[in-house]
C-alpha cells in the first residue's frame, strides 16, 4: 500500500507479486476512518470466512496503521439480532 508502507517494502512486495501472481489478488484502495480508543487510534477491519464458497463466519481485526496486516490485533465482532427481541 503506497504511502503506508516504506518505499523499499512496497518494491519488495511488488516483486513478490510479479514473481508469484497466483498468490495475490488486487483490491481497490479505500479509506478507513480510524476509531479512537483509550490506547490511541486504530483502523478496523471486518472480514468474512467462507468454506467452499459458503458463508462460515466473520472476523474482526484492528491495526495501528491503515494497512491491516500480520501485526493487527484480533477483535471481537458482536451482533445483535433485534428482530427477535422487539427492541430497536
PDB file of N, CA and C in Angstrom:
ATOM      1  N   UNK A   1       0.853  -1.161   0.000  1.00  0.00           N
ATOM      2  CA  UNK A   1       0.000   0.000   0.000  1.00  0.00           C
ATOM      3  C   UNK A   1       0.903   1.229   0.000  1.00  0.00           C
ATOM      4  N   UNK A   2       0.943   1.870  -1.128  1.00  0.00           N
ATOM      5  CA  UNK A   2       1.801   3.048  -1.261  1.00  0.00           C
ATOM      6  C   UNK A   2       1.395   4.121  -0.258  1.00  0.00           C
ATOM      7  N   UNK A   3       2.378   4.806   0.273  1.00  0.00           N
ATOM      8  CA  UNK A   3       2.221   5.856   1.274  1.00  0.00           C
ATOM      9  C   UNK A   3       1.876   5.325   2.663  1.00  0.00           C
ATOM     10  N   UNK A   4       1.782   4.021   2.818  1.00  0.00           N
ATOM     11  CA  UNK A   4       1.583   3.419   4.138  1.00  0.00           C
ATOM     12  C   UNK A   4       2.783   2.533   4.463  1.00  0.00           C
ATOM     13  N   UNK A   5       3.274   1.793   3.479  1.00  0.00           N
ATOM     14  CA  UNK A   5       4.491   1.005   3.651  1.00  0.00           C
ATOM     15  C   UNK A   5       5.678   1.846   3.191  1.00  0.00           C
ATOM     16  N   UNK A   6       6.854   1.447   3.611  1.00  0.00           N
ATOM     17  CA  UNK A   6       8.051   2.148   3.143  1.00  0.00           C
ATOM     18  C   UNK A   6       8.234   1.877   1.649  1.00  0.00           C
ATOM     19  N   UNK A   7       8.982   2.724   0.971  1.00  0.00           N
ATOM     20  CA  UNK A   7       9.236   2.523  -0.463  1.00  0.00           C
ATOM     21  C   UNK A   7       9.904   1.172  -0.708  1.00  0.00           C
ATOM     22  N   UNK A   8      10.855   0.811   0.153  1.00  0.00           N
ATOM     23  CA  UNK A   8      11.559  -0.464  -0.020  1.00  0.00           C
ATOM     24  C   UNK A   8      10.601  -1.654   0.163  1.00  0.00           C
ATOM     25  N   UNK A   9       9.765  -1.609   1.188  1.00  0.00           N
ATOM     26  CA  UNK A   9       8.805  -2.696   1.407  1.00  0.00           C
ATOM     27  C   UNK A   9       7.831  -2.796   0.234  1.00  0.00           C
ATOM     28  N   UNK A  10       7.401  -1.648  -0.280  1.00  0.00           N
ATOM     29  CA  UNK A  10       6.487  -1.642  -1.416  1.00  0.00           C
ATOM     30  C   UNK A  10       7.142  -2.311  -2.624  1.00  0.00           C
ATOM     31  N   UNK A  11       8.420  -1.986  -2.890  1.00  0.00           N
ATOM     32  CA  UNK A  11       9.138  -2.608  -4.009  1.00  0.00           C
ATOM     33  C   UNK A  11       9.276  -4.119  -3.811  1.00  0.00           C
ATOM     34  N   UNK A  12       9.593  -4.545  -2.592  1.00  0.00           N
ATOM     35  CA  UNK A  12       9.733  -5.977  -2.311  1.00  0.00           C
ATOM     36  C   UNK A  12       8.413  -6.705  -2.537  1.00  0.00           C
ATOM     37  N   UNK A  13       7.330  -6.134  -2.046  1.00  0.00           N
ATOM     38  CA  UNK A  13       6.017  -6.762  -2.213  1.00  0.00           C
ATOM     39  C   UNK A  13       5.610  -6.813  -3.689  1.00  0.00           C
ATOM     40  N   UNK A  14       5.910  -5.762  -4.416  1.00  0.00           N
ATOM     41  CA  UNK A  14       5.587  -5.744  -5.848  1.00  0.00           C
ATOM     42  C   UNK A  14       6.363  -6.824  -6.595  1.00  0.00           C
ATOM     43  N   UNK A  15       7.651  -6.991  -6.258  1.00  0.00           N
ATOM     44  CA  UNK A  15       8.451  -8.046  -6.891  1.00  0.00           C
ATOM     45  C   UNK A  15       7.881  -9.424  -6.569  1.00  0.00           C
ATOM     46  N   UNK A  16       7.485  -9.642  -5.317  1.00  0.00           N
ATOM     47  CA  UNK A  16       6.875 -10.922  -4.939  1.00  0.00           C
ATOM     48  C   UNK A  16       5.594 -11.181  -5.728  1.00  0.00           C
ATOM     49  N   UNK A  17       4.774 -10.147  -5.869  1.00  0.00           N
ATOM     50  CA  UNK A  17       3.515 -10.300  -6.604  1.00  0.00           C
ATOM     51  C   UNK A  17       3.770 -10.605  -8.073  1.00  0.00           C
ATOM     52  N   UNK A  18       4.782  -9.981  -8.651  1.00  0.00           N
ATOM     53  CA  UNK A  18       5.105 -10.249 -10.059  1.00  0.00           C
ATOM     54  C   UNK A  18       5.685 -11.650 -10.235  1.00  0.00           C
ATOM     55  N   UNK A  19       6.410 -12.138  -9.229  1.00  0.00           N
ATOM     56  CA  UNK A  19       7.031 -13.471  -9.295  1.00  0.00           C
ATOM     57  C   UNK A  19       5.997 -14.583  -9.112  1.00  0.00           C
ATOM     58  N   UNK A  20       5.025 -14.368  -8.223  1.00  0.00           N
ATOM     59  CA  UNK A  20       4.013 -15.392  -7.923  1.00  0.00           C
ATOM     60  C   UNK A  20       2.615 -14.767  -7.978  1.00  0.00           C
ATOM     61  N   UNK A  21       2.162 -14.359  -9.163  1.00  0.00           N
ATOM     62  CA  UNK A  21       0.874 -13.662  -9.251  1.00  0.00           C
ATOM     63  C   UNK A  21      -0.313 -14.516  -8.797  1.00  0.00           C
ATOM     64  N   UNK A  22      -0.211 -15.819  -8.885  1.00  0.00           N
ATOM     65  CA  UNK A  22      -1.318 -16.686  -8.468  1.00  0.00           C
ATOM     66  C   UNK A  22      -1.567 -16.627  -6.959  1.00  0.00           C
ATOM     67  N   UNK A  23      -0.641 -16.073  -6.204  1.00  0.00           N
ATOM     68  CA  UNK A  23      -0.790 -15.980  -4.750  1.00  0.00           C
ATOM     69  C   UNK A  23      -1.299 -14.617  -4.293  1.00  0.00           C
ATOM     70  N   UNK A  24      -1.644 -13.753  -5.236  1.00  0.00           N
ATOM     71  CA  UNK A  24      -2.038 -12.390  -4.900  1.00  0.00           C
ATOM     72  C   UNK A  24      -3.368 -12.040  -5.564  1.00  0.00           C
ATOM     73  N   UNK A  25      -4.065 -11.088  -4.964  1.00  0.00           N
ATOM     74  CA  UNK A  25      -5.265 -10.525  -5.582  1.00  0.00           C
ATOM     75  C   UNK A  25      -5.146  -9.004  -5.551  1.00  0.00           C
ATOM     76  N   UNK A  26      -5.802  -8.355  -6.458  1.00  0.00           N
ATOM     77  CA  UNK A  26      -5.813  -6.892  -6.481  1.00  0.00           C
ATOM     78  C   UNK A  26      -7.072  -6.408  -5.781  1.00  0.00           C
ATOM     79  N   UNK A  27      -6.907  -5.379  -4.979  1.00  0.00           N
ATOM     80  CA  UNK A  27      -8.047  -4.794  -4.286  1.00  0.00           C
ATOM     81  C   UNK A  27      -8.005  -3.290  -4.489  1.00  0.00           C
ATOM     82  N   UNK A  28      -9.150  -2.729  -4.798  1.00  0.00           N
ATOM     83  CA  UNK A  28      -9.215  -1.281  -4.949  1.00  0.00           C
ATOM     84  C   UNK A  28      -8.998  -0.628  -3.587  1.00  0.00           C
ATOM     85  N   UNK A  29      -8.185   0.386  -3.552  1.00  0.00           N
ATOM     86  CA  UNK A  29      -7.887   1.057  -2.295  1.00  0.00           C
ATOM     87  C   UNK A  29      -9.094   1.858  -1.821  1.00  0.00           C
ATOM     88  N   UNK A  30      -9.308   1.861  -0.534  1.00  0.00           N
ATOM     89  CA  UNK A  30     -10.367   2.650   0.074  1.00  0.00           C
ATOM     90  C   UNK A  30      -9.867   3.208   1.394  1.00  0.00           C
ATOM     91  N   UNK A  31     -10.470   4.275   1.834  1.00  0.00           N
ATOM     92  CA  UNK A  31     -10.072   4.918   3.085  1.00  0.00           C
ATOM     93  C   UNK A  31     -10.913   4.385   4.230  1.00  0.00           C
ATOM     94  N   UNK A  32     -10.261   4.106   5.341  1.00  0.00           N
ATOM     95  CA  UNK A  32     -10.941   3.664   6.554  1.00  0.00           C
ATOM     96  C   UNK A  32     -10.765   4.728   7.621  1.00  0.00           C
ATOM     97  N   UNK A  33     -11.842   5.118   8.237  1.00  0.00           N
ATOM     98  CA  UNK A  33     -11.758   6.115   9.306  1.00  0.00           C
ATOM     99  C   UNK A  33     -11.269   5.434  10.582  1.00  0.00           C
ATOM    100  N   UNK A  34     -10.281   5.996  11.246  1.00  0.00           N
ATOM    101  CA  UNK A  34      -9.810   5.381  12.489  1.00  0.00           C
ATOM    102  C   UNK A  34     -10.848   5.507  13.597  1.00  0.00           C
ATOM    103  N   UNK A  35     -10.773   4.561  14.524  1.00  0.00           N
ATOM    104  CA  UNK A  35     -11.643   4.565  15.700  1.00  0.00           C
ATOM    105  C   UNK A  35     -10.782   4.955  16.894  1.00  0.00           C
ATOM    106  N   UNK A  36     -11.227   5.939  17.647  1.00  0.00           N
ATOM    107  CA  UNK A  36     -10.467   6.409  18.810  1.00  0.00           C
ATOM    108  C   UNK A  36     -10.672   5.441  19.980  1.00  0.00           C
ATOM    109  N   UNK A  37      -9.569   5.007  20.584  1.00  0.00           N
ATOM    110  CA  UNK A  37      -9.619   4.144  21.763  1.00  0.00           C
ATOM    111  C   UNK A  37      -8.787   4.786  22.869  1.00  0.00           C
ATOM    112  N   UNK A  38      -8.818   4.193  24.054  1.00  0.00           N
ATOM    113  CA  UNK A  38      -8.004   4.692  25.164  1.00  0.00           C
ATOM    114  C   UNK A  38      -6.516   4.626  24.839  1.00  0.00           C
ATOM    115  N   UNK A  39      -6.133   3.690  23.969  1.00  0.00           N
ATOM    116  CA  UNK A  39      -4.728   3.493  23.618  1.00  0.00           C
ATOM    117  C   UNK A  39      -4.337   4.204  22.324  1.00  0.00           C
ATOM    118  N   UNK A  40      -5.205   5.047  21.797  1.00  0.00           N
ATOM    119  CA  UNK A  40      -4.935   5.740  20.547  1.00  0.00           C
ATOM    120  C   UNK A  40      -5.829   5.239  19.433  1.00  0.00           C
ATOM    121  N   UNK A  41      -5.645   5.781  18.246  1.00  0.00           N
ATOM    122  CA  UNK A  41      -6.475   5.414  17.096  1.00  0.00           C
ATOM    123  C   UNK A  41      -6.122   4.028  16.572  1.00  0.00           C
ATOM    124  N   UNK A  42      -7.150   3.301  16.129  1.00  0.00           N
ATOM    125  CA  UNK A  42      -6.970   2.026  15.442  1.00  0.00           C
ATOM    126  C   UNK A  42      -7.853   2.031  14.198  1.00  0.00           C
ATOM    127  N   UNK A  43      -7.438   1.244  13.218  1.00  0.00           N
ATOM    128  CA  UNK A  43      -8.186   1.115  11.971  1.00  0.00           C
ATOM    129  C   UNK A  43      -8.873  -0.243  11.972  1.00  0.00           C
ATOM    130  N   UNK A  44     -10.210  -0.267  11.921  1.00  0.00           N
ATOM    131  CA  UNK A  44     -10.931  -1.532  11.989  1.00  0.00           C
ATOM    132  C   UNK A  44     -10.988  -2.256  10.646  1.00  0.00           C
ATOM    133  N   UNK A  45     -11.141  -3.557  10.727  1.00  0.00           N
ATOM    134  CA  UNK A  45     -11.302  -4.401   9.547  1.00  0.00           C
ATOM    135  C   UNK A  45     -12.267  -5.518   9.923  1.00  0.00           C
ATOM    136  N   UNK A  46     -13.295  -5.714   9.132  1.00  0.00           N
ATOM    137  CA  UNK A  46     -14.236  -6.820   9.331  1.00  0.00           C
ATOM    138  C   UNK A  46     -14.203  -7.662   8.067  1.00  0.00           C
ATOM    139  N   UNK A  47     -14.073  -8.954   8.240  1.00  0.00           N
ATOM    140  CA  UNK A  47     -14.000  -9.847   7.090  1.00  0.00           C
ATOM    141  C   UNK A  47     -14.933 -11.028   7.230  1.00  0.00           C
ATOM    142  N   UNK A  48     -15.066 -11.766   6.160  1.00  0.00           N
ATOM    143  CA  UNK A  48     -15.973 -12.913   6.103  1.00  0.00           C
ATOM    144  C   UNK A  48     -15.170 -14.179   5.815  1.00  0.00           C
ATOM    145  N   UNK A  49     -15.423 -15.228   6.584  1.00  0.00           N
ATOM    146  CA  UNK A  49     -14.859 -16.545   6.308  1.00  0.00           C
ATOM    147  C   UNK A  49     -15.811 -17.299   5.392  1.00  0.00           C
ATOM    148  N   UNK A  50     -15.255 -18.007   4.422  1.00  0.00           N
ATOM    149  CA  UNK A  50     -16.074 -18.901   3.599  1.00  0.00           C
ATOM    150  C   UNK A  50     -15.422 -20.277   3.559  1.00  0.00           C
ATOM    151  N   UNK A  51     -16.255 -21.274   3.405  1.00  0.00           N
ATOM    152  CA  UNK A  51     -15.798 -22.651   3.207  1.00  0.00           C
ATOM    153  C   UNK A  51     -16.501 -23.167   1.962  1.00  0.00           C
ATOM    154  N   UNK A  52     -15.727 -23.551   0.972  1.00  0.00           N
ATOM    155  CA  UNK A  52     -16.286 -23.997  -0.309  1.00  0.00           C
ATOM    156  C   UNK A  52     -17.270 -22.980  -0.878  1.00  0.00           C
ATOM    157  N   UNK A  53     -16.940 -21.699  -0.732  1.00  0.00           N
ATOM    158  CA  UNK A  53     -17.754 -20.636  -1.299  1.00  0.00           C
ATOM    159  C   UNK A  53     -18.996 -20.282  -0.501  1.00  0.00           C
ATOM    160  N   UNK A  54     -19.175 -20.879   0.696  1.00  0.00           N
ATOM    161  CA  UNK A  54     -20.360 -20.582   1.514  1.00  0.00           C
ATOM    162  C   UNK A  54     -19.958 -19.880   2.800  1.00  0.00           C
ATOM    163  N   UNK A  55     -20.794 -18.955   3.238  1.00  0.00           N
ATOM    164  CA  UNK A  55     -20.546 -18.198   4.464  1.00  0.00           C
ATOM    165  C   UNK A  55     -20.292 -19.143   5.637  1.00  0.00           C
ATOM    166  N   UNK A  56     -19.233 -18.847   6.403  1.00  0.00           N
ATOM    167  CA  UNK A  56     -18.909 -19.681   7.560  1.00  0.00           C
ATOM    168  C   UNK A  56     -18.653 -18.857   8.823  1.00  0.00           C
ATOM    169  N   UNK A  57     -18.630 -17.540   8.709  1.00  0.00           N
ATOM    170  CA  UNK A  57     -18.421 -16.716   9.890  1.00  0.00           C
ATOM    171  C   UNK A  57     -17.796 -15.384   9.542  1.00  0.00           C
ATOM    172  N   UNK A  58     -17.591 -14.575  10.579  1.00  0.00           N
ATOM    173  CA  UNK A  58     -16.976 -13.268  10.393  1.00  0.00           C
ATOM    174  C   UNK A  58     -15.834 -13.107  11.386  1.00  0.00           C
ATOM    175  N   UNK A  59     -14.955 -12.183  11.081  1.00  0.00           N
ATOM    176  CA  UNK A  59     -13.849 -11.885  11.976  1.00  0.00           C
ATOM    177  C   UNK A  59     -13.596 -10.388  12.001  1.00  0.00           C
ATOM    178  N   UNK A  60     -12.925  -9.941  13.031  1.00  0.00           N
ATOM    179  CA  UNK A  60     -12.562  -8.542  13.138  1.00  0.00           C
ATOM    180  C   UNK A  60     -11.105  -8.397  13.511  1.00  0.00           C
ATOM    181  N   UNK A  61     -10.488  -7.335  13.006  1.00  0.00           N
ATOM    182  CA  UNK A  61      -9.097  -7.036  13.328  1.00  0.00           C
ATOM    183  C   UNK A  61      -8.972  -5.527  13.471  1.00  0.00           C
ATOM    184  N   UNK A  62      -7.956  -5.096  14.199  1.00  0.00           N
ATOM    185  CA  UNK A  62      -7.688  -3.677  14.382  1.00  0.00           C
ATOM    186  C   UNK A  62      -6.191  -3.457  14.248  1.00  0.00           C
ATOM    187  N   UNK A  63      -5.831  -2.392  13.536  1.00  0.00           N
ATOM    188  CA  UNK A  63      -4.433  -2.103  13.256  1.00  0.00           C
ATOM    189  C   UNK A  63      -4.109  -0.666  13.633  1.00  0.00           C
ATOM    190  N   UNK A  64      -2.869  -0.407  13.968  1.00  0.00           N
ATOM    191  CA  UNK A  64      -2.413   0.948  14.276  1.00  0.00           C
ATOM    192  C   UNK A  64      -2.205   1.775  13.011  1.00  0.00           C
ATOM    193  N   UNK A  65      -2.164   1.119  11.846  1.00  0.00           N
ATOM    194  CA  UNK A  65      -1.994   1.814  10.570  1.00  0.00           C
ATOM    195  C   UNK A  65      -3.149   1.422   9.648  1.00  0.00           C
ATOM    196  N   UNK A  66      -3.387   2.185   8.580  1.00  0.00           N
ATOM    197  CA  UNK A  66      -4.454   1.816   7.645  1.00  0.00           C
ATOM    198  C   UNK A  66      -4.230   0.468   6.957  1.00  0.00           C
ATOM    199  N   UNK A  67      -2.993  -0.038   6.975  1.00  0.00           N
ATOM    200  CA  UNK A  67      -2.700  -1.341   6.391  1.00  0.00           C
ATOM    201  C   UNK A  67      -2.896  -2.410   7.454  1.00  0.00           C
ATOM    202  N   UNK A  68      -3.923  -3.224   7.301  1.00  0.00           N
ATOM    203  CA  UNK A  68      -4.202  -4.287   8.266  1.00  0.00           C
ATOM    204  C   UNK A  68      -3.440  -5.520   7.798  1.00  0.00           C
ATOM    205  N   UNK A  69      -2.392  -5.879   8.556  1.00  0.00           N
ATOM    206  CA  UNK A  69      -1.542  -6.992   8.166  1.00  0.00           C
ATOM    207  C   UNK A  69      -1.343  -7.947   9.336  1.00  0.00           C
ATOM    208  N   UNK A  70      -0.253  -8.709   9.322  1.00  0.00           N
ATOM    209  CA  UNK A  70       0.006  -9.704  10.356  1.00  0.00           C
ATOM    210  C   UNK A  70       0.220  -9.085  11.733  1.00  0.00           C
ATOM    211  N   UNK A  71       0.458  -7.788  11.792  1.00  0.00           N
ATOM    212  CA  UNK A  71       0.665  -7.112  13.070  1.00  0.00           C
ATOM    213  C   UNK A  71      -0.645  -6.647  13.709  1.00  0.00           C
ATOM    214  N   UNK A  72      -1.750  -6.786  13.003  1.00  0.00           N
ATOM    215  CA  UNK A  72      -3.042  -6.344  13.526  1.00  0.00           C
ATOM    216  C   UNK A  72      -3.486  -7.258  14.672  1.00  0.00           C
ATOM    217  N   UNK A  73      -4.340  -6.726  15.512  1.00  0.00           N
ATOM    218  CA  UNK A  73      -4.860  -7.449  16.670  1.00  0.00           C
ATOM    219  C   UNK A  73      -6.255  -7.989  16.346  1.00  0.00           C
ATOM    220  N   UNK A  74      -6.515  -9.231  16.727  1.00  0.00           N
ATOM    221  CA  UNK A  74      -7.858  -9.786  16.574  1.00  0.00           C
ATOM    222  C   UNK A  74      -8.797  -9.092  17.554  1.00  0.00           C
ATOM    223  N   UNK A  75     -10.015  -8.812  17.112  1.00  0.00           N
ATOM    224  CA  UNK A  75     -11.014  -8.180  17.972  1.00  0.00           C
ATOM    225  C   UNK A  75     -12.340  -8.922  17.831  1.00  0.00           C
ATOM    226  N   UNK A  76     -13.154  -8.822  18.853  1.00  0.00           N
ATOM    227  CA  UNK A  76     -14.464  -9.466  18.834  1.00  0.00           C
ATOM    228  C   UNK A  76     -15.410  -8.704  17.908  1.00  0.00           C
ATOM    229  N   UNK A  77     -16.252  -9.438  17.226  1.00  0.00           N
ATOM    230  CA  UNK A  77     -17.323  -8.859  16.420  1.00  0.00           C
ATOM    231  C   UNK A  77     -18.624  -9.335  17.048  1.00  0.00           C
ATOM    232  N   UNK A  78     -19.397  -8.405  17.565  1.00  0.00           N
ATOM    233  CA  UNK A  78     -20.642  -8.740  18.250  1.00  0.00           C
ATOM    234  C   UNK A  78     -21.823  -8.275  17.415  1.00  0.00           C
ATOM    235  N   UNK A  79     -22.808  -9.130  17.273  1.00  0.00           N
ATOM    236  CA  UNK A  79     -24.020  -8.812  16.511  1.00  0.00           C
ATOM    237  C   UNK A  79     -25.217  -8.924  17.430  1.00  0.00           C
ATOM    238  N   UNK A  80     -26.174  -8.067  17.204  1.00  0.00           N
ATOM    239  CA  UNK A  80     -27.410  -8.127  17.986  1.00  0.00           C
ATOM    240  C   UNK A  80     -28.562  -8.367  17.033  1.00  0.00           C
ATOM    241  N   UNK A  81     -29.331  -9.381  17.295  1.00  0.00           N
ATOM    242  CA  UNK A  81     -30.493  -9.698  16.480  1.00  0.00           C
ATOM    243  C   UNK A  81     -31.707  -8.998  17.085  1.00  0.00           C
ATOM    244  N   UNK A  82     -32.004  -7.824  16.584  1.00  0.00           N
ATOM    245  CA  UNK A  82     -33.109  -7.039  17.146  1.00  0.00           C
ATOM    246  C   UNK A  82     -34.468  -7.562  16.682  1.00  0.00           C
ATOM    247  N   UNK A  83     -34.486  -8.333  15.613  1.00  0.00           N
ATOM    248  CA  UNK A  83     -35.758  -8.826  15.100  1.00  0.00           C
ATOM    249  C   UNK A  83     -36.471  -9.766  16.052  1.00  0.00           C
ATOM    250  N   UNK A  84     -35.736 -10.528  16.837  1.00  0.00           N
ATOM    251  CA  UNK A  84     -36.361 -11.491  17.757  1.00  0.00           C
ATOM    252  C   UNK A  84     -36.661 -10.908  19.128  1.00  0.00           C
ATOM    253  N   UNK A  85     -36.140  -9.725  19.418  1.00  0.00           N
ATOM    254  CA  UNK A  85     -36.315  -9.162  20.759  1.00  0.00           C
ATOM    255  C   UNK A  85     -37.294  -8.016  20.790  1.00  0.00           C
ATOM    256  N   UNK A  86     -37.647  -7.490  19.654  1.00  0.00           N
ATOM    257  CA  UNK A  86     -38.606  -6.415  19.608  1.00  0.00           C
ATOM    258  C   UNK A  86     -38.039  -5.043  19.921  1.00  0.00           C
ATOM    259  N   UNK A  87     -36.759  -4.963  20.335  1.00  0.00           N
ATOM    260  CA  UNK A  87     -36.194  -3.644  20.594  1.00  0.00           C
ATOM    261  C   UNK A  87     -35.500  -3.108  19.353  1.00  0.00           C
ATOM    262  N   UNK A  88     -35.258  -1.856  19.332  1.00  0.00           N
ATOM    263  CA  UNK A  88     -34.682  -1.209  18.148  1.00  0.00           C
ATOM    264  C   UNK A  88     -33.262  -0.816  18.390  1.00  0.00           C
TER     265      UNK A  88
END
